[in-house]
Amino acid sequence: MTAPSRGTPPGPSVPDFGIPPQLAARMSMAEQYEYLRTRLVSRRTLVTGGAVAGGGLLAGCARKSASPAPATSAIRGAAVVPFGRHLAFGADPRTRMRISWQVPFAVRKPFVRVGTRPDDLGRRVAAEIRHLHTPGVQGVRPVVEQYYVHAALDGLTPGTTYYYGVGHDGWDPAAPHHRATITPFRTAPASPEKFVFTAFGDQGVSQAGKANDNALLKQNPAFHLHAGDICYADGNGSGRTSDGYDAREWDRFLRQNDPVARSVPWMVTTGNHDMEAWYSPDGYGGQYARFALPDNGFDPHGAPGVYAFTYGNVGFVALDANDVSYEIPANLGYSGGRQTKWLEQRLKELRAAPDVDFVVVFFHHCAYSTSAHASDGGIRAAWLPLFTKYQVDLVINGHNHVYERTDAVRGGGVGRAVPVGGSTDPTRDGIVYVTAGGGGRDLYSFPSGVKDSYEGHVTRHGAVRSFHWTEGQHNVAETVEWSRVRYTGFSFLKVEAEAGTTPRLKVSALAQSGARIDHFEIRRGG
């Protein structure tokens, strides 16, 4: 089968900046970074005042060498309006929240005001500015300076609604003319109780992405999982310095998502379009600058999209599938196996935790899908044995811009048929894999002759001819029986978690209109 173009849909291409194309195609992202840093970056090509500073390609961008933003700005603080607010839990959602936002210029002494009433924000917490410098390319794109601000709120009370406002010298959210910016958030409960979370991947900046935000906000989720390919500032997604790239797309994305992410913790992981090769050897310097996520992954200083947290009776694990992907190998093996070892330890801990009934894993590339990118054999080889060993209950992916849901998969085949409205027990049947890639980016399709099949429009179930990726970016045809539900449309996942004597996950997929297109239930040992 002909391979789909890597990282589709493509964006505008720019020169390889001195790396011969044949060589660049064989290099990892880290190798490209080092090649440019040591040999070929020239001020004639990179139009920037400080592209080669401090011994790195872009000083101040990589997580391990981040430098503070300038302490002053020519713009008065009163004229600098914060935007792009987005929340994330700390390692313990009961007591820790991370508040992030953006300012268009450097500011003095940024802070968060927080309290349990909107008219009493007595606690003031200092914030950190992470300055991100993107070099310009003459005739292609300008130099871009971005300033992201992060505040860590610890010692919060579980199950409590707080109110917060963000500010800096000259801009106080408690001032009467700024009070409309005060926003609530809620910490996780002290003990398990019923809650809802939502999920999708592959959002970007579009009317569809904005509409999905509005639709999921109506579900009143406790938090949202974003399965990678967050913004698409990198339009090609191959992890190369030749990828078309516009850092300003992040400004548009964060403005778009502010109405929902300012009150719903936005728990992101890393897709192939999130490997931004200009910022650090692994391409994640930009993600580190823009997001403050739990720092309990295998490398808290270099892999911001890998972490775990527990909310109620459910443990969540975020993974970086770029590390094991055969399809898009720019970062293949970058962790040296450390991520997979960390994954096993974390799954073991979650299964031993007395209050954890379910384990949900989310990452970008698909282990099981039949749409354009199909299935990634690297993920199957590295992680599926661990998912089986520790009886993961639900796996959520993006990458393919459709909704597709499997039956319960066991040993690579159907362990139990799970039709719309059905139920499954992972201890007996296997694991359900959901591709929730209809977050807002241009939609894909299923193989020729394969019809959509979803709630209210169920078509005859049958085998689907597809393929999976193998090492060397080869693909191998396969005929599969596990593709149960398919929907070509913008959509998102809604999951209701219930604790108690009969814990369950009630999983639904909703179209952008709010109409339900799939639902099933997960119970353990029932």
Protein backbone atom coordinates (compact mmCIF):
# COMPACT_ATOMS: atom_id res chain seq x y z
CA MET A 1 0.00 0.00 0.00
CA THR A 2 1.28 3.45 -0.81
CA ALA A 3 2.36 5.30 2.31
CA PRO A 4 0.51 8.53 3.11
CA SER A 5 2.64 11.64 3.11
CA ARG A 6 4.37 12.05 6.46
CA GLY A 7 2.77 14.59 8.75
CA THR A 8 -0.08 15.41 6.36
CA PRO A 9 -1.56 17.84 5.65
CA PRO A 10 1.68 19.53 4.56
CA GLY A 11 2.53 23.13 5.23
CA PRO A 12 4.78 25.48 3.30
CA SER A 13 8.33 24.22 2.93
CA VAL A 14 11.44 26.28 3.61
CA PRO A 15 15.11 25.60 2.80
CA ASP A 16 17.14 22.98 4.67
CA PHE A 17 19.53 25.71 5.90
CA GLY A 18 22.70 24.09 4.61
CA ILE A 19 21.92 20.43 5.31
CA PRO A 20 21.96 18.49 2.02
CA PRO A 21 18.42 17.09 1.55
CA GLN A 22 19.65 13.51 1.19
CA LEU A 23 21.54 13.83 4.47
CA ALA A 24 18.71 15.62 6.32
CA ALA A 25 16.29 12.84 5.43
CA ARG A 26 18.50 10.33 7.29
CA MET A 27 19.16 12.47 10.35
CA SER A 28 17.30 12.50 13.64
CA MET A 29 16.14 15.82 15.03
CA ALA A 30 19.01 15.87 17.52
CA GLU A 31 21.53 15.22 14.72
CA GLN A 32 20.11 18.06 12.65
CA TYR A 33 20.28 20.36 15.65
CA GLU A 34 23.91 19.50 16.34
CA TYR A 35 24.87 19.74 12.67
CA LEU A 36 23.44 23.24 12.42
CA ARG A 37 24.82 24.33 15.77
CA THR A 38 28.40 23.29 15.12
CA ARG A 39 28.88 23.77 11.40
CA LEU A 40 26.34 25.49 9.26
CA VAL A 41 24.31 28.18 10.99
CA SER A 42 25.21 31.52 9.42
CA ARG A 43 23.89 34.98 10.10
CA ARG A 44 23.21 35.37 6.41
CA THR A 45 20.63 32.57 6.56
CA LEU A 46 19.15 33.02 10.02
CA VAL A 47 18.06 36.64 10.36
CA THR A 48 18.28 37.01 14.11
CA GLY A 49 20.22 39.06 16.58
CA GLY A 50 21.26 36.11 18.72
CA ALA A 51 20.80 32.79 16.98
CA VAL A 52 24.19 31.49 18.11
CA ALA A 53 24.47 32.41 21.73
CA GLY A 54 25.56 30.53 24.80
CA GLY A 55 26.75 27.53 22.81
CA GLY A 56 23.25 26.51 21.63
CA LEU A 57 21.34 27.00 18.43
CA LEU A 58 18.70 29.04 20.21
CA ALA A 59 19.76 30.16 23.65
CA GLY A 60 16.85 30.51 26.04
CA CYS A 61 14.58 27.97 24.36
CA ALA A 62 15.62 24.50 25.47
CA ARG A 63 14.25 23.36 28.80
CA LYS A 64 17.64 22.72 30.37
CA SER A 65 19.07 26.12 29.43
CA ALA A 66 16.09 28.46 29.60
CA SER A 67 17.02 32.03 30.30
CA PRO A 68 14.74 34.58 31.95
CA ALA A 69 12.98 37.11 29.79
CA PRO A 70 14.23 40.69 29.79
CA ALA A 71 13.18 42.37 33.03
CA THR A 72 11.95 45.52 31.33
CA SER A 73 9.95 46.49 28.29
CA ALA A 74 9.56 49.72 26.39
CA ILE A 75 5.81 49.17 26.72
CA ARG A 76 4.17 50.32 29.95
CA GLY A 77 2.83 47.44 32.03
CA ALA A 78 -0.66 48.95 32.03
CA ALA A 79 -0.77 48.59 28.24
CA VAL A 80 0.30 44.91 28.15
CA VAL A 81 -2.81 42.71 28.20
CA PRO A 82 -2.39 39.05 29.24
CA PHE A 83 -4.01 36.46 26.97
CA GLY A 84 -4.01 32.74 26.21
CA ARG A 85 -4.65 31.47 29.73
CA HIS A 86 -4.45 27.70 30.13
CA LEU A 87 -4.49 25.50 33.22
CA ALA A 88 -2.86 22.17 33.97
CA PHE A 89 -2.74 20.03 37.07
CA GLY A 90 0.45 19.54 38.99
CA ALA A 91 1.46 16.00 39.94
CA ASP A 92 -1.38 15.89 42.51
CA PRO A 93 -4.62 17.39 41.08
CA ARG A 94 -6.08 17.60 44.58
CA THR A 95 -3.60 20.20 45.79
CA ARG A 96 -1.62 21.52 42.80
CA MET A 97 -2.60 23.68 39.84
CA ARG A 98 -0.42 25.31 37.19
CA ILE A 99 -1.64 28.56 35.65
CA SER A 100 -0.09 29.68 32.37
CA TRP A 101 -0.63 32.61 30.05
CA GLN A 102 1.08 34.77 27.46
CA VAL A 103 2.03 38.44 27.24
CA PRO A 104 2.93 40.17 23.97
CA PHE A 105 5.90 41.99 25.54
CA ALA A 106 8.26 41.47 28.47
CA VAL A 107 6.76 42.59 31.79
CA ARG A 108 7.95 43.12 35.35
CA LYS A 109 7.06 40.87 38.27
CA PRO A 110 4.22 38.74 36.85
CA PHE A 111 1.91 37.13 39.40
CA VAL A 112 -1.35 35.33 40.06
CA ARG A 113 -3.96 36.46 42.55
CA VAL A 114 -6.04 33.60 43.94
CA GLY A 115 -8.74 33.09 46.54
CA THR A 116 -11.91 31.16 47.31
CA ARG A 117 -14.15 34.10 46.42
CA PRO A 118 -13.97 36.30 43.31
CA ASP A 119 -14.03 39.39 45.52
CA ASP A 120 -11.24 38.17 47.81
CA LEU A 121 -8.03 37.31 45.96
CA GLY A 122 -5.75 37.79 48.93
CA ARG A 123 -3.10 35.23 48.00
CA ARG A 124 -0.49 36.49 45.55
CA VAL A 125 1.90 34.01 43.89
CA ALA A 126 4.93 35.08 41.87
CA ALA A 127 5.15 33.74 38.31
CA GLU A 128 8.02 32.81 35.97
CA ILE A 129 8.50 34.15 32.43
CA ARG A 130 9.86 31.79 29.79
CA HIS A 131 11.16 33.74 26.81
CA LEU A 132 11.00 31.89 23.49
CA HIS A 133 13.04 33.24 20.57
CA THR A 134 12.29 31.98 17.06
CA PRO A 135 14.80 32.96 14.37
CA GLY A 136 13.65 34.59 11.18
CA VAL A 137 14.33 33.38 7.67
CA GLN A 138 14.94 36.10 5.13
CA GLY A 139 12.02 36.39 2.74
CA VAL A 140 10.08 33.62 4.51
CA ARG A 141 9.27 34.60 8.11
CA PRO A 142 10.22 37.27 10.65
CA VAL A 143 12.01 36.92 13.96
CA VAL A 144 9.44 36.15 16.66
CA GLU A 145 9.82 36.86 20.39
CA GLN A 146 7.24 35.24 22.67
CA TYR A 147 6.77 35.48 26.42
CA TYR A 148 5.00 32.71 28.32
CA VAL A 149 4.23 33.06 32.01
CA HIS A 150 3.71 30.25 34.53
CA ALA A 151 2.67 30.16 38.17
CA ALA A 152 2.67 27.10 40.42
CA LEU A 153 -0.13 26.94 42.99
CA ASP A 154 0.58 24.31 45.65
CA GLY A 155 -1.00 23.58 49.01
CA LEU A 156 -4.55 23.94 47.68
CA THR A 157 -7.55 22.34 49.38
CA PRO A 158 -9.05 19.29 47.61
CA GLY A 159 -12.52 19.59 46.12
CA THR A 160 -12.51 23.38 46.29
CA THR A 161 -13.43 26.07 43.78
CA TYR A 162 -10.85 28.84 43.54
CA TYR A 163 -10.86 32.10 41.64
CA TYR A 164 -7.79 33.62 40.04
CA GLY A 165 -6.54 36.49 37.97
CA VAL A 166 -3.20 37.00 36.25
CA GLY A 167 -1.19 40.22 36.22
CA HIS A 168 2.12 42.06 36.39
CA ASP A 169 3.43 45.46 37.39
CA GLY A 170 0.93 47.92 35.98
CA TRP A 171 -1.83 45.35 35.46
CA ASP A 172 -3.65 44.13 38.57
CA PRO A 173 -6.57 41.73 37.99
CA ALA A 174 -8.09 42.87 41.29
CA ALA A 175 -8.50 46.41 39.94
CA PRO A 176 -12.17 47.24 39.26
CA HIS A 177 -11.66 47.66 35.49
CA HIS A 178 -9.97 44.23 35.21
CA ARG A 179 -12.27 42.18 37.44
CA ALA A 180 -14.05 40.67 34.45
CA THR A 181 -10.91 38.59 33.86
CA ILE A 182 -11.33 36.70 37.18
CA THR A 183 -11.87 33.00 36.41
CA PRO A 184 -12.68 29.91 38.51
CA PHE A 185 -11.08 26.48 38.63
CA ARG A 186 -11.70 23.45 40.86
CA THR A 187 -9.27 21.03 42.48
CA ALA A 188 -9.80 17.28 42.42
CA PRO A 189 -11.81 15.79 45.28
CA ALA A 190 -10.09 14.28 48.32
CA SER A 191 -11.67 10.88 47.68
CA PRO A 192 -13.05 9.30 44.50
CA GLU A 193 -16.40 10.49 43.23
CA LYS A 194 -18.15 10.71 39.89
CA PHE A 195 -16.54 13.02 37.32
CA VAL A 196 -16.35 13.67 33.57
CA PHE A 197 -13.32 14.23 31.37
CA THR A 198 -13.10 14.93 27.64
CA ALA A 199 -10.44 14.15 25.04
CA PHE A 200 -9.37 14.73 21.45
CA GLY A 201 -6.24 15.25 19.38
CA ASP A 202 -5.26 17.19 16.26
CA GLN A 203 -6.94 20.52 16.96
CA GLY A 204 -5.11 23.48 15.42
CA VAL A 205 -6.60 26.91 14.76
CA SER A 206 -9.93 26.80 12.92
CA GLN A 207 -13.63 27.35 13.30
CA ALA A 208 -13.97 23.60 13.82
CA GLY A 209 -11.39 23.65 16.62
CA LYS A 210 -13.20 26.54 18.29
CA ALA A 211 -16.55 24.81 17.89
CA ASN A 212 -15.20 21.66 19.53
CA ASP A 213 -14.02 23.79 22.47
CA ASN A 214 -17.52 25.21 22.86
CA ALA A 215 -19.12 21.78 22.62
CA LEU A 216 -16.90 20.10 25.19
CA LEU A 217 -17.26 23.00 27.62
CA LYS A 218 -21.00 22.21 27.74
CA GLN A 219 -20.12 18.78 29.16
CA ASN A 220 -18.66 20.44 32.28
CA PRO A 221 -15.48 18.33 32.26
CA ALA A 222 -13.14 18.23 35.23
CA PHE A 223 -10.27 18.37 32.71
CA HIS A 224 -9.47 17.71 29.06
CA LEU A 225 -6.89 15.38 27.50
CA HIS A 226 -5.23 16.61 24.30
CA ALA A 227 -3.60 13.69 22.47
CA GLY A 228 -1.03 15.75 20.56
CA ASP A 229 -0.71 17.80 17.37
CA ILE A 230 -1.80 20.75 19.42
CA CYS A 231 -1.38 23.85 17.27
CA TYR A 232 0.19 23.00 13.88
CA ALA A 233 2.63 25.90 13.90
CA ASP A 234 4.85 23.27 12.27
CA GLY A 235 2.78 22.44 9.22
CA ASN A 236 4.71 19.40 7.99
CA GLY A 237 5.20 17.42 11.18
CA SER A 238 8.29 15.49 10.11
CA GLY A 239 10.63 16.92 12.77
CA ARG A 240 12.93 18.62 10.26
CA THR A 241 14.36 22.11 10.10
CA SER A 242 12.92 22.24 6.58
CA ASP A 243 9.35 22.01 7.92
CA GLY A 244 7.16 25.02 7.23
CA TYR A 245 6.89 26.84 10.56
CA ASP A 246 5.17 29.93 11.94
CA ALA A 247 5.54 30.45 15.70
CA ARG A 248 2.79 33.10 15.61
CA GLU A 249 0.24 30.33 15.10
CA TRP A 250 0.67 29.61 18.81
CA ASP A 251 -0.56 33.12 19.62
CA ARG A 252 -3.70 32.44 17.59
CA PHE A 253 -4.15 29.01 19.15
CA LEU A 254 -3.88 30.19 22.74
CA ARG A 255 -6.31 33.04 22.06
CA GLN A 256 -8.73 30.57 20.51
CA ASN A 257 -8.59 28.18 23.47
CA ASP A 258 -8.57 30.75 26.28
CA PRO A 259 -12.38 30.60 26.82
CA VAL A 260 -12.19 26.92 27.77
CA ALA A 261 -8.59 26.24 28.86
CA ARG A 262 -8.67 29.11 31.38
CA SER A 263 -11.03 27.08 33.59
CA VAL A 264 -10.65 23.46 32.36
CA PRO A 265 -7.16 21.99 32.92
CA TRP A 266 -5.74 21.26 29.47
CA MET A 267 -3.54 18.16 29.78
CA VAL A 268 -1.53 17.89 26.57
CA THR A 269 0.90 15.36 25.22
CA THR A 270 3.20 15.46 22.20
CA GLY A 271 2.40 14.77 18.56
CA ASN A 272 4.64 14.75 15.51
CA HIS A 273 3.59 18.32 14.66
CA ASP A 274 4.78 19.33 18.14
CA MET A 275 8.40 18.44 17.35
CA GLU A 276 9.66 21.95 16.60
CA ALA A 277 13.25 21.43 15.52
CA TRP A 278 14.49 24.97 16.13
CA TYR A 279 14.29 24.98 19.90
CA SER A 280 16.24 22.04 21.31
CA PRO A 281 17.82 18.75 20.23
CA ASP A 282 14.59 16.85 20.90
CA GLY A 283 12.39 19.62 19.50
CA TYR A 284 10.46 20.12 22.75
CA GLY A 285 11.86 23.46 23.90
CA GLY A 286 8.80 25.20 22.51
CA GLN A 287 6.40 22.89 24.34
CA TYR A 288 8.29 23.43 27.58
CA ALA A 289 8.09 27.20 27.16
CA ARG A 290 4.35 27.19 26.53
CA PHE A 291 3.04 24.56 28.96
CA ALA A 292 3.54 23.76 32.64
CA LEU A 293 2.72 20.06 33.10
CA PRO A 294 3.34 17.54 35.89
CA ASP A 295 7.10 17.05 36.24
CA ASN A 296 7.03 13.37 37.20
CA GLY A 297 7.93 11.81 33.84
CA PHE A 298 11.06 9.85 32.95
CA ASP A 299 12.90 13.12 32.25
CA PRO A 300 11.17 16.13 33.83
CA HIS A 301 13.82 18.42 32.32
CA GLY A 302 13.43 17.30 28.72
CA ALA A 303 10.13 15.56 27.96
CA PRO A 304 7.25 17.81 29.04
CA GLY A 305 4.57 15.64 27.39
CA VAL A 306 5.35 12.55 29.48
CA TYR A 307 3.76 12.45 32.94
CA ALA A 308 1.11 10.81 35.09
CA PHE A 309 -1.61 11.90 37.48
CA THR A 310 -4.52 10.39 39.36
CA TYR A 311 -7.94 11.99 39.47
CA GLY A 312 -10.60 10.24 41.56
CA ASN A 313 -10.45 6.52 40.87
CA VAL A 314 -8.64 6.81 37.53
CA GLY A 315 -4.90 6.93 36.84
CA PHE A 316 -3.80 8.75 33.69
CA VAL A 317 -0.52 8.29 31.83
CA ALA A 318 0.63 10.64 29.04
CA LEU A 319 3.28 9.31 26.65
CA ASP A 320 5.42 10.67 23.83
CA ALA A 321 4.92 8.27 20.92
CA ASN A 322 7.55 10.06 18.80
CA ASP A 323 10.04 8.04 20.85
CA VAL A 324 8.82 4.72 19.41
CA SER A 325 7.19 5.65 16.08
CA TYR A 326 8.33 3.76 12.99
CA GLU A 327 6.31 6.04 10.71
CA ILE A 328 7.92 9.39 11.60
CA PRO A 329 11.35 8.54 13.05
CA ALA A 330 12.80 12.00 13.76
CA ASN A 331 12.87 11.21 17.50
CA LEU A 332 12.83 7.42 17.32
CA GLY A 333 14.70 6.05 20.33
CA TYR A 334 15.63 9.45 21.75
CA SER A 335 14.91 8.35 25.34
CA GLY A 336 17.18 5.31 25.09
CA GLY A 337 14.37 3.13 26.43
CA ARG A 338 13.94 5.22 29.57
CA GLN A 339 10.36 6.20 28.73
CA THR A 340 9.28 2.57 28.34
CA LYS A 341 10.94 1.62 31.63
CA TRP A 342 9.21 4.55 33.32
CA LEU A 343 5.90 3.47 31.77
CA GLU A 344 6.16 -0.01 33.24
CA GLN A 345 7.00 1.32 36.68
CA ARG A 346 4.13 3.78 36.57
CA LEU A 347 1.60 1.17 35.41
CA LYS A 348 2.79 -1.16 38.16
CA GLU A 349 2.32 1.58 40.77
CA LEU A 350 -1.15 2.49 39.52
CA ARG A 351 -2.32 -1.12 39.53
CA ALA A 352 -1.10 -1.45 43.12
CA ALA A 353 -2.83 1.75 44.28
CA PRO A 354 -5.91 0.80 46.35
CA ASP A 355 -8.03 3.76 45.20
CA VAL A 356 -7.34 3.37 41.47
CA ASP A 357 -9.94 1.32 39.62
CA PHE A 358 -9.05 2.26 36.04
CA VAL A 359 -5.95 3.19 34.06
CA VAL A 360 -6.21 5.40 30.96
CA VAL A 361 -3.20 5.95 28.67
CA PHE A 362 -3.12 8.67 26.03
CA PHE A 363 -0.60 9.52 23.33
CA HIS A 364 -0.59 10.66 19.72
CA HIS A 365 0.20 7.93 17.16
CA CYS A 366 -2.20 5.01 16.79
CA ALA A 367 -1.63 1.41 17.77
CA TYR A 368 -4.84 0.45 15.98
CA SER A 369 -6.44 2.52 13.23
CA THR A 370 -7.35 2.10 9.57
CA SER A 371 -7.37 5.75 8.42
CA ALA A 372 -4.58 7.58 6.53
CA HIS A 373 -1.67 7.02 8.95
CA ALA A 374 -3.04 3.59 9.93
CA SER A 375 -1.27 1.73 12.78
CA ASP A 376 2.27 2.19 14.07
CA GLY A 377 4.17 -1.06 14.61
CA GLY A 378 6.70 0.72 16.82
CA ILE A 379 4.01 1.41 19.39
CA ARG A 380 2.70 -2.12 19.14
CA ALA A 381 6.18 -3.53 19.76
CA ALA A 382 7.25 -1.22 22.59
CA TRP A 383 4.13 -0.62 24.64
CA LEU A 384 1.31 -3.06 23.91
CA PRO A 385 2.93 -5.88 25.94
CA LEU A 386 2.91 -3.54 28.96
CA PHE A 387 -0.68 -2.45 28.33
CA THR A 388 -1.65 -6.12 28.31
CA LYS A 389 0.45 -7.05 31.34
CA TYR A 390 -1.06 -4.31 33.49
CA GLN A 391 -4.55 -4.51 31.96
CA VAL A 392 -4.84 -0.90 30.82
CA ASP A 393 -8.54 -0.08 30.53
CA LEU A 394 -8.63 2.51 27.75
CA VAL A 395 -6.12 3.91 25.24
CA ILE A 396 -6.80 7.28 23.56
CA ASN A 397 -4.93 8.46 20.46
CA GLY A 398 -5.11 11.13 17.76
CA HIS A 399 -2.95 11.35 14.59
CA ASN A 400 -5.69 10.12 12.25
CA HIS A 401 -8.22 12.94 11.82
CA VAL A 402 -11.33 10.81 12.32
CA TYR A 403 -13.13 8.98 15.09
CA GLU A 404 -12.46 5.25 15.14
CA ARG A 405 -13.00 2.78 17.95
CA THR A 406 -11.91 -0.83 18.19
CA ASP A 407 -13.50 -3.85 19.73
CA ALA A 408 -11.65 -5.12 22.80
CA VAL A 409 -8.29 -6.15 21.34
CA ARG A 410 -6.43 -9.10 22.77
CA GLY A 411 -3.33 -10.66 21.24
CA GLY A 412 -3.66 -8.47 18.16
CA GLY A 413 -7.16 -9.72 17.37
CA VAL A 414 -10.70 -9.31 18.65
CA GLY A 415 -10.92 -10.44 22.25
CA ARG A 416 -14.56 -9.44 22.48
CA ALA A 417 -16.90 -7.65 20.11
CA VAL A 418 -18.01 -4.33 21.59
CA PRO A 419 -20.82 -2.93 19.43
CA VAL A 420 -22.30 0.50 20.02
CA GLY A 421 -23.88 0.36 23.49
CA GLY A 422 -21.85 -2.71 24.47
CA SER A 423 -19.67 -3.37 27.49
CA THR A 424 -16.28 -4.91 28.10
CA ASP A 425 -14.07 -6.14 30.91
CA PRO A 426 -10.33 -5.55 30.30
CA THR A 427 -9.37 -8.31 32.74
CA ARG A 428 -10.99 -10.82 30.41
CA ASP A 429 -11.59 -9.29 26.98
CA GLY A 430 -8.65 -7.03 26.16
CA ILE A 431 -8.27 -3.29 25.61
CA VAL A 432 -10.38 -0.81 23.65
CA TYR A 433 -8.40 1.70 21.57
CA VAL A 434 -10.01 4.99 20.56
CA THR A 435 -8.74 7.30 17.84
CA ALA A 436 -10.18 10.72 18.73
CA GLY A 437 -8.47 12.74 16.01
CA GLY A 438 -11.41 14.93 15.00
CA GLY A 439 -10.34 17.85 17.19
CA GLY A 440 -10.49 20.49 14.45
CA ARG A 441 -7.83 19.90 11.80
CA ASP A 442 -8.81 18.95 8.23
CA LEU A 443 -10.45 15.54 8.27
CA TYR A 444 -9.05 12.32 6.80
CA SER A 445 -10.95 9.37 5.34
CA PHE A 446 -11.08 5.61 5.70
CA PRO A 447 -9.84 3.12 3.07
CA SER A 448 -11.69 2.99 -0.20
CA GLY A 449 -14.98 1.16 0.13
CA VAL A 450 -14.99 1.27 3.94
CA LYS A 451 -18.11 3.02 5.19
CA ASP A 452 -18.64 5.06 8.31
CA SER A 453 -20.46 3.09 11.01
CA TYR A 454 -21.65 4.86 14.14
CA GLU A 455 -24.61 5.20 16.47
CA GLY A 456 -27.80 5.57 14.44
CA HIS A 457 -25.93 4.70 11.23
CA VAL A 458 -24.47 1.26 11.88
CA THR A 459 -23.35 -0.48 8.72
CA ARG A 460 -22.57 -4.13 8.25
CA HIS A 461 -19.47 -5.12 10.21
CA GLY A 462 -16.70 -6.73 8.21
CA ALA A 463 -12.98 -6.96 7.67
CA VAL A 464 -11.04 -3.85 6.67
CA ARG A 465 -7.91 -3.85 4.53
CA SER A 466 -5.33 -1.58 6.12
CA PHE A 467 -1.61 -1.58 7.00
CA HIS A 468 0.86 -0.98 9.80
CA TRP A 469 4.25 0.72 9.81
CA THR A 470 7.46 -1.23 10.34
CA GLU A 471 11.05 -0.15 10.89
CA GLY A 472 12.57 1.88 8.08
CA GLN A 473 9.25 3.58 7.32
CA HIS A 474 7.94 0.55 5.47
CA ASN A 475 4.31 -0.47 5.68
CA VAL A 476 2.85 -3.95 5.67
CA ALA A 477 -0.68 -4.68 4.52
CA GLU A 478 -3.06 -6.29 7.00
CA THR A 479 -6.71 -7.22 7.07
CA VAL A 480 -8.32 -6.41 10.41
CA GLU A 481 -11.55 -7.34 12.17
CA TRP A 482 -11.24 -4.94 15.12
CA SER A 483 -12.45 -1.69 13.48
CA ARG A 484 -15.89 -1.39 15.09
CA VAL A 485 -17.00 2.27 14.95
CA ARG A 486 -15.96 4.84 12.32
CA TYR A 487 -17.04 8.46 11.92
CA THR A 488 -15.66 11.00 9.46
CA GLY A 489 -16.43 14.24 11.24
CA PHE A 490 -15.27 16.62 13.92
CA SER A 491 -15.86 15.05 17.32
CA PHE A 492 -14.52 14.49 20.82
CA LEU A 493 -14.60 11.90 23.56
CA LYS A 494 -16.57 12.23 26.79
CA VAL A 495 -15.89 9.78 29.63
CA GLU A 496 -17.89 9.54 32.87
CA ALA A 497 -15.98 7.82 35.65
CA GLU A 498 -17.97 6.30 38.51
CA ALA A 499 -16.53 4.95 41.74
CA GLY A 500 -18.30 2.90 44.41
CA THR A 501 -19.25 -0.76 44.62
CA THR A 502 -19.55 -1.11 40.81
CA PRO A 503 -16.98 1.28 39.32
CA ARG A 504 -17.30 1.90 35.60
CA LEU A 505 -16.16 4.11 32.76
CA LYS A 506 -19.04 5.23 30.56
CA VAL A 507 -17.42 6.25 27.29
CA SER A 508 -19.23 8.34 24.69
CA ALA A 509 -18.15 10.02 21.48
CA LEU A 510 -19.95 13.23 20.57
CA ALA A 511 -20.11 15.02 17.26
CA GLN A 512 -19.44 18.72 17.23
CA SER A 513 -23.22 19.28 17.31
CA GLY A 514 -23.42 17.38 20.59
CA ALA A 515 -25.09 14.36 18.96
CA ARG A 516 -23.81 11.04 20.30
CA ILE A 517 -22.05 8.88 17.71
CA ASP A 518 -20.82 6.06 19.97
CA HIS A 519 -21.06 4.79 23.51
CA PHE A 520 -19.86 1.77 25.46
CA GLU A 521 -19.02 0.83 29.04
CA ILE A 522 -15.91 -0.52 30.73
CA ARG A 523 -16.17 -2.56 33.94
CA ARG A 524 -13.52 -4.66 35.64
CA GLY A 525 -14.14 -8.14 36.99
CA GLY A 526 -17.89 -7.86 36.49
